[in-house]
Structure formats: C-alpha cells, structure tokens
C-alpha cells in the first residue's frame, strides 16, 4: 500500500515538474529564458538569469539566485516563496557579524519602482531546505515567488555546480 502511494506521489511530482519545465521555463515566443530575456514577465516584474546550486548526494539544502527587476510605478515586495523540490523555501541574506559571515532569514524584500535586486551568493538568496531529492546539474528547479499585490510568478532555475561565489554550507 505504501509503495503504491509513493509511486503515485512520484508520478504526480514528475508530471508537475514536467509541466513547469514546459510552460513556465519558456520566455517570449516559447524561447528558453536566458540572461538576455526574462524568465517570465508578468505586469511589471521580471525574473532574470535564474539559477540554482546542484547538490551532491546527502545534501539537504541548496540555494537559488536571480535578478528581480521592477519596471512598474509602485514598489513590489516579496511576501512568500515556495518550490516543490523543498520542504521549506526562504529568503536569506548574508551579513558580517562580529567578524564572521552569518546567514539570516529575511521576512520580506522590497524592490522599488525602476529598481532591480540581485539575489546572489554572499547577498540575498533563496534557500531550498529539506530537499526531497538531490538537485542534478542541468535540471530546472521551479521557484514560486508571491508578491504583496497577490501576484505569483514561477521561474525555472537552471541548476549547476559552478555558481560564482556560492556558499556551500548554511
């Protein structure tokens, strides 16, 4: 019974991830998103150059990075994050505290009108915690960002081992 439930769960998760990879990971006119094109543009928010750290067997956390651009007239604030690959998805920042680099959870992040915020190693980043399985290099990881106006945007983050400036432990 447990094996059949797990098989159904895996099949549903695979279908979910394939549907995201086919739909949400494509930019304008069905082209794959790159640094030059937004991963998805909904109203005035663009998510650019989304990437994630691939994991090694046994690792339970990873991180996702991207640039969030607000071309609108009003501030946009990140209210919530989610990803089907992790039990918890949180926004964190890296800060110097008493001579040591420390990671801290950030409850929300505001992007002003006409501004862009880069989520990058050593700064703001999205933590994927309690991974349900390892993240393979060259796979695409869905990350769902909910903004204060209720807008929800899904971006596909390309996983790789070489994420410039990445931190390995949290």
C-alpha atoms as a PDB file:
ATOM      1  CA  UNK A   1       0.000   0.000   0.000  1.00  0.00           C
ATOM      2  CA  UNK A   2       2.753   2.431   0.998  1.00  0.00           C
ATOM      3  CA  UNK A   3       4.738   1.599  -2.166  1.00  0.00           C
ATOM      4  CA  UNK A   4       1.732   2.312  -4.420  1.00  0.00           C
ATOM      5  CA  UNK A   5       1.066   5.621  -2.644  1.00  0.00           C
ATOM      6  CA  UNK A   6       4.718   6.606  -3.049  1.00  0.00           C
ATOM      7  CA  UNK A   7       4.619   5.616  -6.738  1.00  0.00           C
ATOM      8  CA  UNK A   8       1.544   7.784  -7.291  1.00  0.00           C
ATOM      9  CA  UNK A   9       3.175  10.674  -5.397  1.00  0.00           C
ATOM     10  CA  UNK A  10       6.344  10.402  -7.520  1.00  0.00           C
ATOM     11  CA  UNK A  11       4.305  10.280 -10.733  1.00  0.00           C
ATOM     12  CA  UNK A  12       2.320  13.374  -9.715  1.00  0.00           C
ATOM     13  CA  UNK A  13       5.529  15.250  -8.779  1.00  0.00           C
ATOM     14  CA  UNK A  14       7.152  14.272 -12.099  1.00  0.00           C
ATOM     15  CA  UNK A  15       4.101  15.459 -14.024  1.00  0.00           C
ATOM     16  CA  UNK A  16       4.087  18.695 -12.006  1.00  0.00           C
ATOM     17  CA  UNK A  17       7.784  19.363 -12.692  1.00  0.00           C
ATOM     18  CA  UNK A  18       7.488  18.485 -16.407  1.00  0.00           C
ATOM     19  CA  UNK A  19       4.543  20.849 -16.805  1.00  0.00           C
ATOM     20  CA  UNK A  20       6.544  23.653 -15.163  1.00  0.00           C
ATOM     21  CA  UNK A  21       9.584  22.881 -17.313  1.00  0.00           C
ATOM     22  CA  UNK A  22       7.500  23.032 -20.473  1.00  0.00           C
ATOM     23  CA  UNK A  23       5.356  26.066 -19.638  1.00  0.00           C
ATOM     24  CA  UNK A  24       6.909  28.369 -17.061  1.00  0.00           C
ATOM     25  CA  UNK A  25      10.523  27.897 -18.140  1.00  0.00           C
ATOM     26  CA  UNK A  26       9.915  29.448 -21.526  1.00  0.00           C
ATOM     27  CA  UNK A  27      10.236  33.121 -22.287  1.00  0.00           C
ATOM     28  CA  UNK A  28       8.632  35.196 -25.010  1.00  0.00           C
ATOM     29  CA  UNK A  29       7.549  33.221 -28.111  1.00  0.00           C
ATOM     30  CA  UNK A  30       8.468  29.895 -26.468  1.00  0.00           C
ATOM     31  CA  UNK A  31      12.191  30.644 -26.321  1.00  0.00           C
ATOM     32  CA  UNK A  32      14.136  29.424 -23.320  1.00  0.00           C
ATOM     33  CA  UNK A  33      14.884  32.121 -20.757  1.00  0.00           C
ATOM     34  CA  UNK A  34      18.447  33.434 -20.688  1.00  0.00           C
ATOM     35  CA  UNK A  35      20.280  36.373 -19.177  1.00  0.00           C
ATOM     36  CA  UNK A  36      19.086  38.481 -22.102  1.00  0.00           C
ATOM     37  CA  UNK A  37      15.421  37.559 -21.704  1.00  0.00           C
ATOM     38  CA  UNK A  38      13.224  37.491 -18.612  1.00  0.00           C
ATOM     39  CA  UNK A  39      12.272  34.031 -17.377  1.00  0.00           C
ATOM     40  CA  UNK A  40       8.733  35.321 -17.166  1.00  0.00           C
ATOM     41  CA  UNK A  41       7.285  38.801 -17.291  1.00  0.00           C
ATOM     42  CA  UNK A  42       4.013  39.392 -15.551  1.00  0.00           C
ATOM     43  CA  UNK A  43       2.920  43.007 -15.255  1.00  0.00           C
ATOM     44  CA  UNK A  44       5.972  44.991 -14.166  1.00  0.00           C
ATOM     45  CA  UNK A  45       8.136  42.272 -12.528  1.00  0.00           C
ATOM     46  CA  UNK A  46      10.864  40.432 -14.434  1.00  0.00           C
ATOM     47  CA  UNK A  47      12.839  37.452 -13.107  1.00  0.00           C
ATOM     48  CA  UNK A  48      16.178  37.176 -14.910  1.00  0.00           C
ATOM     49  CA  UNK A  49      19.044  34.679 -15.011  1.00  0.00           C
ATOM     50  CA  UNK A  50      17.520  32.225 -12.511  1.00  0.00           C
ATOM     51  CA  UNK A  51      19.970  29.558 -11.368  1.00  0.00           C
ATOM     52  CA  UNK A  52      20.300  27.091  -8.508  1.00  0.00           C
ATOM     53  CA  UNK A  53      23.133  25.171  -6.904  1.00  0.00           C
ATOM     54  CA  UNK A  54      23.212  21.491  -7.873  1.00  0.00           C
ATOM     55  CA  UNK A  55      23.698  19.195  -4.899  1.00  0.00           C
ATOM     56  CA  UNK A  56      25.775  16.168  -4.090  1.00  0.00           C
ATOM     57  CA  UNK A  57      24.207  13.024  -2.582  1.00  0.00           C
ATOM     58  CA  UNK A  58      23.303  13.563   1.066  1.00  0.00           C
ATOM     59  CA  UNK A  59      22.946  17.351   0.846  1.00  0.00           C
ATOM     60  CA  UNK A  60      19.627  18.595   2.207  1.00  0.00           C
ATOM     61  CA  UNK A  61      19.875  22.271   1.215  1.00  0.00           C
ATOM     62  CA  UNK A  62      20.554  24.305  -1.886  1.00  0.00           C
ATOM     63  CA  UNK A  63      20.175  27.926  -2.934  1.00  0.00           C
ATOM     64  CA  UNK A  64      18.617  29.766  -5.879  1.00  0.00           C
ATOM     65  CA  UNK A  65      19.736  33.078  -7.339  1.00  0.00           C
ATOM     66  CA  UNK A  66      18.318  35.543  -9.871  1.00  0.00           C
ATOM     67  CA  UNK A  67      17.782  39.206 -10.626  1.00  0.00           C
ATOM     68  CA  UNK A  68      14.348  40.646  -9.857  1.00  0.00           C
ATOM     69  CA  UNK A  69      13.541  43.801 -11.815  1.00  0.00           C
ATOM     70  CA  UNK A  70      10.570  46.061 -11.057  1.00  0.00           C
ATOM     71  CA  UNK A  71       9.771  48.240 -14.063  1.00  0.00           C
ATOM     72  CA  UNK A  72       6.494  49.418 -12.524  1.00  0.00           C
ATOM     73  CA  UNK A  73       5.472  52.616 -10.798  1.00  0.00           C
ATOM     74  CA  UNK A  74       4.903  51.046  -7.362  1.00  0.00           C
ATOM     75  CA  UNK A  75       7.212  49.124  -5.019  1.00  0.00           C
ATOM     76  CA  UNK A  76       6.972  45.330  -5.177  1.00  0.00           C
ATOM     77  CA  UNK A  77       7.531  43.291  -2.037  1.00  0.00           C
ATOM     78  CA  UNK A  78       8.254  39.567  -1.856  1.00  0.00           C
ATOM     79  CA  UNK A  79       5.758  38.065   0.561  1.00  0.00           C
ATOM     80  CA  UNK A  80       6.320  34.314   0.157  1.00  0.00           C
ATOM     81  CA  UNK A  81       8.482  31.736  -1.619  1.00  0.00           C
ATOM     82  CA  UNK A  82       7.857  28.087  -2.472  1.00  0.00           C
ATOM     83  CA  UNK A  83       9.340  25.252  -4.502  1.00  0.00           C
ATOM     84  CA  UNK A  84       8.049  21.704  -4.969  1.00  0.00           C
ATOM     85  CA  UNK A  85      11.612  20.357  -4.566  1.00  0.00           C
ATOM     86  CA  UNK A  86      11.960  21.537  -0.942  1.00  0.00           C
ATOM     87  CA  UNK A  87      10.016  21.263   2.299  1.00  0.00           C
ATOM     88  CA  UNK A  88      10.851  24.930   3.093  1.00  0.00           C
ATOM     89  CA  UNK A  89      11.793  27.807   0.830  1.00  0.00           C
ATOM     90  CA  UNK A  90      13.018  31.011   2.487  1.00  0.00           C
ATOM     91  CA  UNK A  91      14.647  34.301   1.576  1.00  0.00           C
ATOM     92  CA  UNK A  92      18.013  34.772   3.337  1.00  0.00           C
ATOM     93  CA  UNK A  93      20.808  37.292   3.371  1.00  0.00           C
ATOM     94  CA  UNK A  94      24.482  37.043   4.248  1.00  0.00           C
ATOM     95  CA  UNK A  95      25.850  39.641   6.679  1.00  0.00           C
ATOM     96  CA  UNK A  96      29.097  40.310   8.510  1.00  0.00           C
ATOM     97  CA  UNK A  97      28.577  39.960  12.266  1.00  0.00           C
ATOM     98  CA  UNK A  98      31.458  40.114  14.767  1.00  0.00           C
ATOM     99  CA  UNK A  99      33.953  39.370  12.019  1.00  0.00           C
ATOM    100  CA  UNK A 100      32.051  36.328  10.726  1.00  0.00           C
ATOM    101  CA  UNK A 101      29.731  35.858   7.757  1.00  0.00           C
ATOM    102  CA  UNK A 102      26.295  34.870   9.034  1.00  0.00           C
ATOM    103  CA  UNK A 103      23.142  33.841   7.131  1.00  0.00           C
ATOM    104  CA  UNK A 104      19.863  35.317   8.308  1.00  0.00           C
ATOM    105  CA  UNK A 105      16.269  34.807   7.232  1.00  0.00           C
ATOM    106  CA  UNK A 106      14.590  37.848   5.667  1.00  0.00           C
ATOM    107  CA  UNK A 107      10.820  38.063   6.091  1.00  0.00           C
ATOM    108  CA  UNK A 108      10.260  40.272   3.047  1.00  0.00           C
ATOM    109  CA  UNK A 109      12.206  42.168   0.427  1.00  0.00           C
ATOM    110  CA  UNK A 110      11.007  45.307  -1.314  1.00  0.00           C
ATOM    111  CA  UNK A 111      12.052  46.233  -4.847  1.00  0.00           C
ATOM    112  CA  UNK A 112      11.462  49.915  -5.562  1.00  0.00           C
ATOM    113  CA  UNK A 113       9.976  51.266  -8.799  1.00  0.00           C
ATOM    114  CA  UNK A 114      12.556  51.118 -11.576  1.00  0.00           C
ATOM    115  CA  UNK A 115      14.971  49.118  -9.403  1.00  0.00           C
ATOM    116  CA  UNK A 116      16.483  45.656  -9.615  1.00  0.00           C
ATOM    117  CA  UNK A 117      17.699  43.425  -6.795  1.00  0.00           C
ATOM    118  CA  UNK A 118      20.222  40.697  -7.467  1.00  0.00           C
ATOM    119  CA  UNK A 119      19.852  37.523  -5.434  1.00  0.00           C
ATOM    120  CA  UNK A 120      23.415  36.187  -5.405  1.00  0.00           C
ATOM    121  CA  UNK A 121      25.911  34.212  -3.331  1.00  0.00           C
ATOM    122  CA  UNK A 122      27.115  36.350  -0.429  1.00  0.00           C
ATOM    123  CA  UNK A 123      23.972  38.535  -0.507  1.00  0.00           C
ATOM    124  CA  UNK A 124      20.237  37.945  -0.722  1.00  0.00           C
ATOM    125  CA  UNK A 125      19.439  34.390  -1.867  1.00  0.00           C
ATOM    126  CA  UNK A 126      16.641  31.836  -1.791  1.00  0.00           C
ATOM    127  CA  UNK A 127      17.292  28.833   0.442  1.00  0.00           C
ATOM    128  CA  UNK A 128      15.783  25.498  -0.568  1.00  0.00           C
ATOM    129  CA  UNK A 129      15.710  23.439   2.639  1.00  0.00           C
ATOM    130  CA  UNK A 130      14.671  19.871   3.282  1.00  0.00           C
ATOM    131  CA  UNK A 131      15.257  18.807  -0.309  1.00  0.00           C
ATOM    132  CA  UNK A 132      13.048  15.936  -1.374  1.00  0.00           C
ATOM    133  CA  UNK A 133      15.792  14.588  -3.667  1.00  0.00           C
ATOM    134  CA  UNK A 134      19.216  15.719  -4.909  1.00  0.00           C
ATOM    135  CA  UNK A 135      19.247  18.550  -7.463  1.00  0.00           C
ATOM    136  CA  UNK A 136      21.075  17.352 -10.570  1.00  0.00           C
ATOM    137  CA  UNK A 137      23.260  19.634 -12.671  1.00  0.00           C
ATOM    138  CA  UNK A 138      21.415  20.981 -15.743  1.00  0.00           C
ATOM    139  CA  UNK A 139      17.998  20.276 -14.204  1.00  0.00           C
ATOM    140  CA  UNK A 140      15.427  23.040 -13.859  1.00  0.00           C
ATOM    141  CA  UNK A 141      14.025  23.851 -10.433  1.00  0.00           C
ATOM    142  CA  UNK A 142      10.679  25.673 -10.144  1.00  0.00           C
ATOM    143  CA  UNK A 143      10.692  28.585  -7.703  1.00  0.00           C
ATOM    144  CA  UNK A 144       7.387  30.351  -6.977  1.00  0.00           C
ATOM    145  CA  UNK A 145       7.510  33.947  -5.730  1.00  0.00           C
ATOM    146  CA  UNK A 146       4.423  35.649  -4.316  1.00  0.00           C
ATOM    147  CA  UNK A 147       4.360  39.452  -4.146  1.00  0.00           C
ATOM    148  CA  UNK A 148       2.411  41.746  -1.830  1.00  0.00           C
ATOM    149  CA  UNK A 149      -0.183  42.508  -4.530  1.00  0.00           C
ATOM    150  CA  UNK A 150      -1.061  38.784  -4.716  1.00  0.00           C
ATOM    151  CA  UNK A 151       0.819  38.276  -7.979  1.00  0.00           C
ATOM    152  CA  UNK A 152       2.526  34.894  -8.132  1.00  0.00           C
ATOM    153  CA  UNK A 153       5.364  34.236 -10.584  1.00  0.00           C
ATOM    154  CA  UNK A 154       7.026  30.886 -11.248  1.00  0.00           C
ATOM    155  CA  UNK A 155      10.550  30.810 -12.644  1.00  0.00           C
ATOM    156  CA  UNK A 156      12.662  27.817 -13.625  1.00  0.00           C
ATOM    157  CA  UNK A 157      16.165  27.998 -12.108  1.00  0.00           C
ATOM    158  CA  UNK A 158      18.846  26.092 -14.065  1.00  0.00           C
ATOM    159  CA  UNK A 159      20.960  24.005 -11.657  1.00  0.00           C
ATOM    160  CA  UNK A 160      24.730  23.854 -11.845  1.00  0.00           C
ATOM    161  CA  UNK A 161      27.742  23.060  -9.665  1.00  0.00           C
ATOM    162  CA  UNK A 162      29.602  26.236 -10.592  1.00  0.00           C
ATOM    163  CA  UNK A 163      27.574  29.132  -9.215  1.00  0.00           C
ATOM    164  CA  UNK A 164      30.013  32.039  -8.962  1.00  0.00           C
ATOM    165  CA  UNK A 165      30.728  32.964  -5.336  1.00  0.00           C
ATOM    166  CA  UNK A 166      28.440  30.279  -3.939  1.00  0.00           C
ATOM    167  CA  UNK A 167      28.462  29.281  -0.308  1.00  0.00           C
ATOM    168  CA  UNK A 168      28.495  25.579   0.399  1.00  0.00           C
ATOM    169  CA  UNK A 169      27.164  25.483   3.959  1.00  0.00           C
ATOM    170  CA  UNK A 170      24.349  27.276   5.694  1.00  0.00           C
END
